[in-house]
Amino acid sequence: MDGREEEVLIDSLPYADVLSPEYRRQAEALIEEEARRVPKPQQASPCGPPPTPSRSLDLSRYDLGEPSGKKAEPWLGAVNNASSQLEHQSVRVENLELMLKSGALVWRAANKQLEGLCSSVERETAELEEQVETLNRERKLLQQQQQQQLGRLEGEYYHSVYKNFEIEALNAAAAAGGGSRS
């Protein structure tokens, strides 16, 4: 026997309706089929980063190729490209220096903020799961308490249907018998 059969499952299925074992097996088979089709959420790392697709970077814009020919326009374009590349590299160096100086502190602060966010989300999730569990328990108890009354009302319904059928039969017999006397 596996662990799933031993634990008591409180779910949102009706409890007051008496199901035959065949209907219960059919319902459980449908539930298992649904569970196989729906992807399971990852529990190992609920706050981990989403996977990123791998793309190759286009590095052609960083090339400092020598222009061909002796016209001034291509050479001016190459000089402009080289000076923008130089400016970009100096900004990168400045960013790296800042990162070396205070990057670890900023990283730790960001990690602490993310950990707080993760724990907040996990706490809210646990609260919501508890609310769902409580609601399903209350619903189960209510249905079990009302099961006797539902059975009595169902018996009254079938008794009324039977009486209506008898009355209709008597009316039909009276109409058939009364039409021949007149």
C-alpha atoms as a PDB file:
ATOM      1  CA  MET A   1       0.000   0.000   0.000  1.00  0.00           C
ATOM      2  CA  ASP A   2       1.434   3.372  -0.935  1.00  0.00           C
ATOM      3  CA  GLY A   3       1.266   6.531   1.210  1.00  0.00           C
ATOM      4  CA  ARG A   4      -1.560   8.070  -0.818  1.00  0.00           C
ATOM      5  CA  GLU A   5      -4.020   5.356   0.188  1.00  0.00           C
ATOM      6  CA  GLU A   6      -3.284   5.751   3.897  1.00  0.00           C
ATOM      7  CA  GLU A   7      -3.751   9.515   4.175  1.00  0.00           C
ATOM      8  CA  VAL A   8      -7.204  11.035   4.493  1.00  0.00           C
ATOM      9  CA  LEU A   9      -7.869  13.327   1.557  1.00  0.00           C
ATOM     10  CA  ILE A  10     -10.182  16.265   2.146  1.00  0.00           C
ATOM     11  CA  ASP A  11     -11.172  17.486  -1.295  1.00  0.00           C
ATOM     12  CA  SER A  12     -14.056  19.300  -2.937  1.00  0.00           C
ATOM     13  CA  LEU A  13     -15.996  16.220  -4.032  1.00  0.00           C
ATOM     14  CA  PRO A  14     -19.521  15.775  -2.679  1.00  0.00           C
ATOM     15  CA  TYR A  15     -19.796  13.682   0.466  1.00  0.00           C
ATOM     16  CA  ALA A  16     -23.562  13.413   0.965  1.00  0.00           C
ATOM     17  CA  ASP A  17     -24.140  11.587  -2.310  1.00  0.00           C
ATOM     18  CA  VAL A  18     -23.802   7.851  -1.925  1.00  0.00           C
ATOM     19  CA  LEU A  19     -21.782   6.535  -4.840  1.00  0.00           C
ATOM     20  CA  SER A  20     -21.522   2.965  -5.943  1.00  0.00           C
ATOM     21  CA  PRO A  21     -17.984   1.564  -5.991  1.00  0.00           C
ATOM     22  CA  GLU A  22     -18.076   1.586  -9.821  1.00  0.00           C
ATOM     23  CA  TYR A  23     -18.891   5.327  -9.950  1.00  0.00           C
ATOM     24  CA  ARG A  24     -16.186   6.029  -7.381  1.00  0.00           C
ATOM     25  CA  ARG A  25     -13.621   4.132  -9.489  1.00  0.00           C
ATOM     26  CA  GLN A  26     -14.700   6.081 -12.579  1.00  0.00           C
ATOM     27  CA  ALA A  27     -14.395   9.399 -10.712  1.00  0.00           C
ATOM     28  CA  GLU A  28     -10.956   8.481  -9.359  1.00  0.00           C
ATOM     29  CA  ALA A  29      -9.829   7.424 -12.861  1.00  0.00           C
ATOM     30  CA  LEU A  30     -10.945  10.798 -14.242  1.00  0.00           C
ATOM     31  CA  ILE A  31      -9.136  12.618 -11.438  1.00  0.00           C
ATOM     32  CA  GLU A  32      -5.927  10.645 -12.075  1.00  0.00           C
ATOM     33  CA  GLU A  33      -6.178  11.330 -15.819  1.00  0.00           C
ATOM     34  CA  GLU A  34      -6.592  15.053 -15.113  1.00  0.00           C
ATOM     35  CA  ALA A  35      -3.627  14.979 -12.720  1.00  0.00           C
ATOM     36  CA  ARG A  36      -1.450  13.399 -15.422  1.00  0.00           C
ATOM     37  CA  ARG A  37      -2.440  16.037 -17.994  1.00  0.00           C
ATOM     38  CA  VAL A  38      -1.889  19.063 -15.737  1.00  0.00           C
ATOM     39  CA  PRO A  39       1.796  19.860 -15.184  1.00  0.00           C
ATOM     40  CA  LYS A  40       2.864  19.723 -11.568  1.00  0.00           C
ATOM     41  CA  PRO A  41       4.279  22.941 -10.084  1.00  0.00           C
ATOM     42  CA  GLN A  42       7.949  22.885  -9.199  1.00  0.00           C
ATOM     43  CA  GLN A  43       8.309  22.688  -5.421  1.00  0.00           C
ATOM     44  CA  ALA A  44      12.098  22.568  -5.185  1.00  0.00           C
ATOM     45  CA  SER A  45      12.723  26.230  -5.921  1.00  0.00           C
ATOM     46  CA  PRO A  46       9.514  28.279  -5.874  1.00  0.00           C
ATOM     47  CA  CYS A  47      11.339  31.593  -6.130  1.00  0.00           C
ATOM     48  CA  GLY A  48      14.124  30.610  -8.498  1.00  0.00           C
ATOM     49  CA  PRO A  49      14.791  32.511 -11.695  1.00  0.00           C
ATOM     50  CA  PRO A  50      12.861  31.447 -14.780  1.00  0.00           C
ATOM     51  CA  PRO A  51      14.840  29.604 -17.433  1.00  0.00           C
ATOM     52  CA  THR A  52      16.234  31.831 -20.165  1.00  0.00           C
ATOM     53  CA  PRO A  53      16.511  30.775 -23.784  1.00  0.00           C
ATOM     54  CA  SER A  54      20.034  30.585 -25.100  1.00  0.00           C
ATOM     55  CA  ARG A  55      20.750  33.013 -27.915  1.00  0.00           C
ATOM     56  CA  SER A  56      23.990  33.777 -29.635  1.00  0.00           C
ATOM     57  CA  LEU A  57      25.093  37.376 -29.365  1.00  0.00           C
ATOM     58  CA  ASP A  58      25.637  39.478 -32.454  1.00  0.00           C
ATOM     59  CA  LEU A  59      29.110  40.912 -31.986  1.00  0.00           C
ATOM     60  CA  SER A  60      29.448  42.394 -35.464  1.00  0.00           C
ATOM     61  CA  ARG A  61      28.657  45.915 -34.269  1.00  0.00           C
ATOM     62  CA  TYR A  62      31.715  45.818 -32.006  1.00  0.00           C
ATOM     63  CA  ASP A  63      34.098  45.166 -34.898  1.00  0.00           C
ATOM     64  CA  LEU A  64      36.571  47.898 -35.707  1.00  0.00           C
ATOM     65  CA  GLY A  65      37.257  46.978 -39.289  1.00  0.00           C
ATOM     66  CA  GLU A  66      39.396  49.117 -41.557  1.00  0.00           C
ATOM     67  CA  PRO A  67      37.333  50.815 -44.257  1.00  0.00           C
ATOM     68  CA  SER A  68      38.273  50.150 -47.841  1.00  0.00           C
ATOM     69  CA  GLY A  69      39.181  52.898 -50.223  1.00  0.00           C
ATOM     70  CA  LYS A  70      40.597  56.365 -49.775  1.00  0.00           C
ATOM     71  CA  LYS A  71      37.377  58.366 -49.473  1.00  0.00           C
ATOM     72  CA  ALA A  72      36.909  60.376 -46.284  1.00  0.00           C
ATOM     73  CA  GLU A  73      33.314  59.264 -45.526  1.00  0.00           C
ATOM     74  CA  PRO A  74      34.043  55.604 -44.668  1.00  0.00           C
ATOM     75  CA  TRP A  75      37.054  56.669 -42.630  1.00  0.00           C
ATOM     76  CA  LEU A  76      34.997  59.225 -40.665  1.00  0.00           C
ATOM     77  CA  GLY A  77      32.390  56.499 -39.980  1.00  0.00           C
ATOM     78  CA  ALA A  78      35.142  54.172 -38.745  1.00  0.00           C
ATOM     79  CA  VAL A  79      36.550  56.944 -36.483  1.00  0.00           C
ATOM     80  CA  ASN A  80      33.055  57.614 -35.056  1.00  0.00           C
ATOM     81  CA  ASN A  81      32.542  53.893 -34.477  1.00  0.00           C
ATOM     82  CA  ALA A  82      35.939  53.602 -32.769  1.00  0.00           C
ATOM     83  CA  SER A  83      35.274  56.569 -30.475  1.00  0.00           C
ATOM     84  CA  SER A  84      31.834  55.213 -29.514  1.00  0.00           C
ATOM     85  CA  GLN A  85      33.462  51.833 -28.809  1.00  0.00           C
ATOM     86  CA  LEU A  86      36.102  53.567 -26.676  1.00  0.00           C
ATOM     87  CA  GLU A  87      33.409  55.447 -24.733  1.00  0.00           C
ATOM     88  CA  HIS A  88      31.478  52.217 -24.249  1.00  0.00           C
ATOM     89  CA  GLN A  89      34.573  50.450 -22.936  1.00  0.00           C
ATOM     90  CA  SER A  90      35.346  53.292 -20.519  1.00  0.00           C
ATOM     91  CA  VAL A  91      31.768  53.129 -19.177  1.00  0.00           C
ATOM     92  CA  ARG A  92      32.168  49.366 -18.758  1.00  0.00           C
ATOM     93  CA  VAL A  93      35.414  49.864 -16.827  1.00  0.00           C
ATOM     94  CA  GLU A  94      33.727  52.443 -14.594  1.00  0.00           C
ATOM     95  CA  ASN A  95      30.817  50.054 -13.978  1.00  0.00           C
ATOM     96  CA  LEU A  96      33.226  47.235 -13.138  1.00  0.00           C
ATOM     97  CA  GLU A  97      35.083  49.461 -10.682  1.00  0.00           C
ATOM     98  CA  LEU A  98      31.790  50.410  -9.003  1.00  0.00           C
ATOM     99  CA  MET A  99      30.774  46.775  -8.899  1.00  0.00           C
ATOM    100  CA  LEU A 100      34.060  45.770  -7.287  1.00  0.00           C
ATOM    101  CA  LYS A 101      33.646  48.550  -4.749  1.00  0.00           C
ATOM    102  CA  SER A 102      30.012  47.981  -3.730  1.00  0.00           C
ATOM    103  CA  GLY A 103      28.604  45.181  -5.888  1.00  0.00           C
ATOM    104  CA  ALA A 104      28.686  42.528  -3.181  1.00  0.00           C
ATOM    105  CA  LEU A 105      26.718  44.716  -0.760  1.00  0.00           C
ATOM    106  CA  VAL A 106      24.116  45.547  -3.391  1.00  0.00           C
ATOM    107  CA  TRP A 107      23.873  41.879  -4.364  1.00  0.00           C
ATOM    108  CA  ARG A 108      23.374  40.824  -0.750  1.00  0.00           C
ATOM    109  CA  ALA A 109      20.699  43.508  -0.248  1.00  0.00           C
ATOM    110  CA  ALA A 110      18.883  42.373  -3.392  1.00  0.00           C
ATOM    111  CA  ASN A 111      19.112  38.742  -2.266  1.00  0.00           C
ATOM    112  CA  LYS A 112      17.749  39.657   1.163  1.00  0.00           C
ATOM    113  CA  GLN A 113      14.853  41.500  -0.482  1.00  0.00           C
ATOM    114  CA  LEU A 114      14.125  38.496  -2.726  1.00  0.00           C
ATOM    115  CA  GLU A 115      14.284  36.117   0.240  1.00  0.00           C
ATOM    116  CA  GLY A 116      11.780  38.307   2.083  1.00  0.00           C
ATOM    117  CA  LEU A 117       9.521  38.303  -0.963  1.00  0.00           C
ATOM    118  CA  CYS A 118       9.822  34.517  -1.291  1.00  0.00           C
ATOM    119  CA  SER A 119       8.999  33.944   2.367  1.00  0.00           C
ATOM    120  CA  SER A 120       6.033  36.317   2.082  1.00  0.00           C
ATOM    121  CA  VAL A 121       4.713  34.425  -0.947  1.00  0.00           C
ATOM    122  CA  GLU A 122       5.287  31.074   0.770  1.00  0.00           C
ATOM    123  CA  ARG A 123       3.466  32.318   3.888  1.00  0.00           C
ATOM    124  CA  GLU A 124       0.504  33.572   1.825  1.00  0.00           C
ATOM    125  CA  THR A 125       0.422  30.274  -0.080  1.00  0.00           C
ATOM    126  CA  ALA A 126       0.371  28.296   3.171  1.00  0.00           C
ATOM    127  CA  GLU A 127      -2.425  30.511   4.522  1.00  0.00           C
ATOM    128  CA  LEU A 128      -4.483  30.041   1.361  1.00  0.00           C
ATOM    129  CA  GLU A 129      -3.918  26.285   1.398  1.00  0.00           C
ATOM    130  CA  GLU A 130      -5.055  26.222   5.035  1.00  0.00           C
ATOM    131  CA  GLN A 131      -8.160  28.228   4.129  1.00  0.00           C
ATOM    132  CA  VAL A 132      -8.982  25.801   1.316  1.00  0.00           C
ATOM    133  CA  GLU A 133      -8.459  22.848   3.648  1.00  0.00           C
ATOM    134  CA  THR A 134     -10.681  24.443   6.313  1.00  0.00           C
ATOM    135  CA  LEU A 135     -13.383  25.227   3.764  1.00  0.00           C
ATOM    136  CA  ASN A 136     -13.359  21.672   2.419  1.00  0.00           C
ATOM    137  CA  ARG A 137     -13.525  20.247   5.967  1.00  0.00           C
ATOM    138  CA  GLU A 138     -16.470  22.502   6.858  1.00  0.00           C
ATOM    139  CA  ARG A 139     -18.200  21.559   3.601  1.00  0.00           C
ATOM    140  CA  LYS A 140     -17.671  17.871   4.253  1.00  0.00           C
ATOM    141  CA  LEU A 141     -19.054  18.140   7.796  1.00  0.00           C
ATOM    142  CA  LEU A 142     -22.053  20.153   6.614  1.00  0.00           C
ATOM    143  CA  GLN A 143     -22.854  17.643   3.895  1.00  0.00           C
ATOM    144  CA  GLN A 144     -22.505  14.724   6.274  1.00  0.00           C
ATOM    145  CA  GLN A 145     -24.798  16.454   8.774  1.00  0.00           C
ATOM    146  CA  GLN A 146     -27.397  17.132   6.076  1.00  0.00           C
ATOM    147  CA  GLN A 147     -27.174  13.658   4.534  1.00  0.00           C
ATOM    148  CA  GLN A 148     -30.018  12.254   6.687  1.00  0.00           C
ATOM    149  CA  GLN A 149     -32.319  15.150   5.803  1.00  0.00           C
ATOM    150  CA  LEU A 150     -31.440  14.765   2.120  1.00  0.00           C
ATOM    151  CA  GLY A 151     -32.330  11.071   2.317  1.00  0.00           C
ATOM    152  CA  ARG A 152     -35.672  11.887   3.958  1.00  0.00           C
ATOM    153  CA  LEU A 153     -36.458  14.553   1.336  1.00  0.00           C
ATOM    154  CA  GLU A 154     -35.497  12.169  -1.448  1.00  0.00           C
ATOM    155  CA  GLY A 155     -37.898   9.551   0.010  1.00  0.00           C
ATOM    156  CA  GLU A 156     -40.678  12.150   0.198  1.00  0.00           C
ATOM    157  CA  TYR A 157     -40.023  13.111  -3.423  1.00  0.00           C
ATOM    158  CA  TYR A 158     -40.263   9.533  -4.664  1.00  0.00           C
ATOM    159  CA  HIS A 159     -43.390   8.986  -2.538  1.00  0.00           C
ATOM    160  CA  SER A 160     -44.992  12.130  -4.062  1.00  0.00           C
ATOM    161  CA  VAL A 161     -44.066  10.996  -7.572  1.00  0.00           C
ATOM    162  CA  TYR A 162     -45.597   7.598  -6.861  1.00  0.00           C
ATOM    163  CA  LYS A 163     -48.802   9.203  -5.486  1.00  0.00           C
ATOM    164  CA  ASN A 164     -49.018  11.484  -8.531  1.00  0.00           C
ATOM    165  CA  PHE A 165     -48.653   8.453 -10.777  1.00  0.00           C
ATOM    166  CA  GLU A 166     -51.455   6.673  -8.893  1.00  0.00           C
ATOM    167  CA  ILE A 167     -53.704   9.741  -9.111  1.00  0.00           C
ATOM    168  CA  GLU A 168     -53.023  10.085 -12.843  1.00  0.00           C
ATOM    169  CA  ALA A 169     -53.820   6.397 -13.320  1.00  0.00           C
ATOM    170  CA  LEU A 170     -57.087   6.790 -11.352  1.00  0.00           C
ATOM    171  CA  ASN A 171     -57.969   9.911 -13.351  1.00  0.00           C
ATOM    172  CA  ALA A 172     -57.273   8.119 -16.612  1.00  0.00           C
ATOM    173  CA  ALA A 173     -59.381   5.156 -15.469  1.00  0.00           C
ATOM    174  CA  ALA A 174     -62.185   7.489 -14.330  1.00  0.00           C
ATOM    175  CA  ALA A 175     -62.062   9.392 -17.615  1.00  0.00           C
ATOM    176  CA  ALA A 176     -62.161   6.157 -19.596  1.00  0.00           C
ATOM    177  CA  GLY A 177     -64.944   4.735 -17.395  1.00  0.00           C
ATOM    178  CA  GLY A 178     -66.865   8.022 -17.127  1.00  0.00           C
ATOM    179  CA  GLY A 179     -66.873   8.644 -20.887  1.00  0.00           C
ATOM    180  CA  SER A 180     -68.663   5.317 -21.584  1.00  0.00           C
ATOM    181  CA  ARG A 181     -71.448   6.016 -19.008  1.00  0.00           C
ATOM    182  CA  SER A 182     -72.549   9.326 -20.453  1.00  0.00           C
END
